[in-house]
Amino acid sequence: MQVDLTSVMLLLGMQMLALGWRVNRELNGNRQHPFPWVPVPDNINIGAMLAVLYFCVIAPLTTSGIRLYSVSVLGRAVFAGATVLIAAHPLIVSSHYRLWGGRRTLGGESKDLPYCTRQEGVVQLVALAAAAVAFMGVLRAANTPTSVLPLP
C-alpha cells in the first residue's frame, strides 16, 4: 500500500472539517454551558490528526524531501488507522447524541448529556478495534515476504 501526499492531505482535510464542525457547534450552538467542551470522538480525531501530520507529512518531508516523498511503513499504518477512525466519526458522534435509540439529547436537553454515553462508548470501542486491526494489518503485510505468495 502506497500513500501519496494527496491522500494524506485529503484525510487531514476531513479531520479538520470534523474538528471545525465541533468547534463551531460548541461556540455558537450551546448557550446553556458556560464553557465549551470537546467530546471523546473529537479528542480521538485530534490525536489521529496529529499522528497523521507527523508520520505522513513532517517525517517524510524532513527525511526525503518533496521530490522523493515516501511514507514509511509506520506512516502507512497510521494512515490506515486514521482513515478507519474518520470513517467511523459520524457514527460515533451520532451515538453521542443517542440517535440509535434511547433518550435523544438534541436542542435544549443537554443538561442530562453525559460526557460519554453508553452507545458512544460501544461504537468507539468498535471503531478503535477496527483501527487497530487496520494498523496491525498494514504492519503485518509490510513484514510478509512476497516470495512466499503462490504463483497463479
Protein backbone atom coordinates (compact mmCIF):
# COMPACT_ATOMS: atom_id res chain seq x y z
CA MET A 1 0.00 0.00 0.00
CA GLN A 2 1.46 3.31 -1.08
CA VAL A 3 0.32 6.58 0.42
CA ASP A 4 0.71 9.74 -1.63
CA LEU A 5 0.65 13.31 -0.40
CA THR A 6 -2.77 13.97 -1.97
CA SER A 7 -4.39 11.18 0.05
CA VAL A 8 -2.76 12.43 3.23
CA MET A 9 -3.97 15.99 2.63
CA LEU A 10 -7.49 14.73 1.88
CA LEU A 11 -7.54 12.78 5.16
CA LEU A 12 -6.21 15.79 7.10
CA GLY A 13 -8.85 17.97 5.46
CA MET A 14 -11.64 15.63 6.56
CA GLN A 15 -10.25 15.52 10.09
CA MET A 16 -10.02 19.31 10.23
CA LEU A 17 -13.56 19.62 8.87
CA ALA A 18 -14.88 17.36 11.64
CA LEU A 19 -12.98 19.35 14.25
CA GLY A 20 -14.14 22.67 12.79
CA TRP A 21 -17.73 21.47 12.90
CA ARG A 22 -17.35 20.65 16.59
CA VAL A 23 -15.71 23.97 17.43
CA ASN A 24 -18.44 25.87 15.56
CA ARG A 25 -21.15 23.91 17.32
CA GLU A 26 -19.67 24.42 20.77
CA LEU A 27 -19.00 28.13 20.33
CA ASN A 28 -22.28 29.06 18.66
CA GLY A 29 -24.84 26.39 19.38
CA ASN A 30 -24.97 25.68 23.09
CA ARG A 31 -25.66 28.62 25.38
CA GLN A 32 -26.56 26.56 28.47
CA HIS A 33 -22.99 25.52 29.24
CA PRO A 34 -20.68 28.47 30.00
CA PHE A 35 -17.56 26.56 28.90
CA PRO A 36 -17.22 24.74 25.59
CA TRP A 37 -16.10 21.13 25.84
CA VAL A 38 -14.76 18.59 23.41
CA PRO A 39 -16.31 15.07 23.45
CA VAL A 40 -14.27 11.88 23.26
CA PRO A 41 -14.64 11.25 19.48
CA ASP A 42 -13.17 14.67 18.76
CA ASN A 43 -10.28 14.02 21.15
CA ILE A 44 -9.61 10.78 19.26
CA ASN A 45 -9.83 12.73 15.99
CA ILE A 46 -7.31 15.30 17.26
CA GLY A 47 -4.89 12.52 18.26
CA ALA A 48 -5.25 10.80 14.90
CA MET A 49 -4.79 14.13 13.10
CA LEU A 50 -1.56 14.85 14.98
CA ALA A 51 -0.27 11.34 14.29
CA VAL A 52 -1.04 11.64 10.56
CA LEU A 53 0.52 15.09 10.44
CA TYR A 54 3.74 13.82 11.99
CA PHE A 55 4.13 10.35 10.44
CA CYS A 56 2.73 11.15 6.99
CA VAL A 57 3.79 14.77 6.40
CA ILE A 58 6.53 16.04 8.70
CA ALA A 59 8.69 12.92 9.00
CA PRO A 60 8.68 12.01 5.26
CA LEU A 61 9.37 15.59 4.15
CA THR A 62 12.22 16.08 6.62
CA THR A 63 13.87 12.76 5.75
CA SER A 64 13.44 12.56 1.98
CA GLY A 65 12.21 15.94 0.74
CA ILE A 66 9.32 16.71 -1.57
CA ARG A 67 10.82 15.09 -4.68
CA LEU A 68 11.38 11.73 -3.03
CA TYR A 69 8.25 11.84 -0.82
CA SER A 70 7.80 8.39 0.66
CA VAL A 71 5.83 7.38 3.73
CA SER A 72 7.38 4.75 5.99
CA VAL A 73 5.61 1.56 6.96
CA LEU A 74 4.67 3.10 10.30
CA GLY A 75 3.27 6.13 8.48
CA ARG A 76 1.17 3.89 6.22
CA ALA A 77 -0.14 2.04 9.27
CA VAL A 78 -1.04 5.34 10.97
CA PHE A 79 -2.78 6.46 7.77
CA ALA A 80 -4.84 3.25 7.64
CA GLY A 81 -5.88 3.52 11.28
CA ALA A 82 -6.76 7.23 10.97
CA THR A 83 -8.81 6.53 7.85
CA VAL A 84 -10.89 3.99 9.76
CA LEU A 85 -11.36 6.45 12.63
CA ILE A 86 -12.51 9.32 10.41
CA ALA A 87 -14.90 6.96 8.61
CA ALA A 88 -16.41 5.97 11.97
CA HIS A 89 -16.52 9.55 13.27
CA PRO A 90 -20.09 10.32 12.11
CA LEU A 91 -21.34 7.10 13.73
CA ILE A 92 -19.60 7.92 17.00
CA VAL A 93 -20.93 11.49 17.06
CA SER A 94 -24.48 10.34 16.28
CA SER A 95 -24.25 7.80 19.09
CA HIS A 96 -23.05 10.61 21.38
CA TYR A 97 -26.45 12.24 20.83
CA ARG A 98 -28.17 8.85 21.25
CA LEU A 99 -29.65 8.82 17.75
CA TRP A 100 -29.59 4.99 17.62
CA GLY A 101 -32.28 4.59 20.27
CA GLY A 102 -32.94 5.58 23.82
CA ARG A 103 -33.41 9.12 25.07
CA ARG A 104 -32.26 11.59 22.41
CA THR A 105 -30.39 14.68 23.51
CA LEU A 106 -30.79 17.33 20.85
CA GLY A 107 -31.53 21.00 21.24
CA GLY A 108 -32.04 22.28 24.77
CA GLU A 109 -31.93 18.90 26.51
CA SER A 110 -28.19 18.99 27.13
CA LYS A 111 -28.41 19.18 30.94
CA ASP A 112 -28.51 15.40 31.24
CA LEU A 113 -25.98 14.76 28.49
CA PRO A 114 -23.07 12.78 29.93
CA TYR A 115 -19.51 13.19 28.68
CA CYS A 116 -19.68 9.76 27.06
CA THR A 117 -22.93 7.85 26.54
CA ARG A 118 -23.10 4.06 26.61
CA GLN A 119 -23.86 3.91 22.89
CA GLU A 120 -20.94 6.19 22.18
CA GLY A 121 -18.58 4.05 24.26
CA VAL A 122 -19.58 0.87 22.43
CA VAL A 123 -19.21 2.44 18.98
CA GLN A 124 -15.88 3.99 20.00
CA LEU A 125 -14.53 0.65 21.16
CA VAL A 126 -15.59 -0.99 17.90
CA ALA A 127 -14.03 1.85 15.87
CA LEU A 128 -10.79 1.75 17.87
CA ALA A 129 -10.62 -2.03 17.47
CA ALA A 130 -11.17 -1.70 13.70
CA ALA A 131 -8.48 0.99 13.52
CA ALA A 132 -6.09 -1.26 15.46
CA VAL A 133 -6.81 -4.12 13.07
CA ALA A 134 -6.08 -1.84 10.08
CA PHE A 135 -2.91 -0.54 11.75
CA MET A 136 -1.62 -4.02 12.56
CA GLY A 137 -2.71 -5.34 9.15
CA VAL A 138 -0.52 -2.81 7.36
CA LEU A 139 2.42 -3.57 9.65
CA ARG A 140 1.97 -7.30 9.17
CA ALA A 141 1.60 -7.00 5.40
CA ALA A 142 4.82 -4.99 5.24
CA ASN A 143 6.70 -7.72 7.11
CA THR A 144 5.34 -10.56 4.96
CA PRO A 145 7.83 -11.61 2.30
CA THR A 146 6.30 -11.53 -1.16
CA SER A 147 8.26 -14.57 -2.32
CA VAL A 148 6.05 -16.95 -0.32
CA LEU A 149 2.94 -15.98 -2.26
CA PRO A 150 1.83 -18.73 -4.67
CA LEU A 151 2.14 -18.04 -8.34
CA PRO A 152 -1.07 -18.15 -10.41
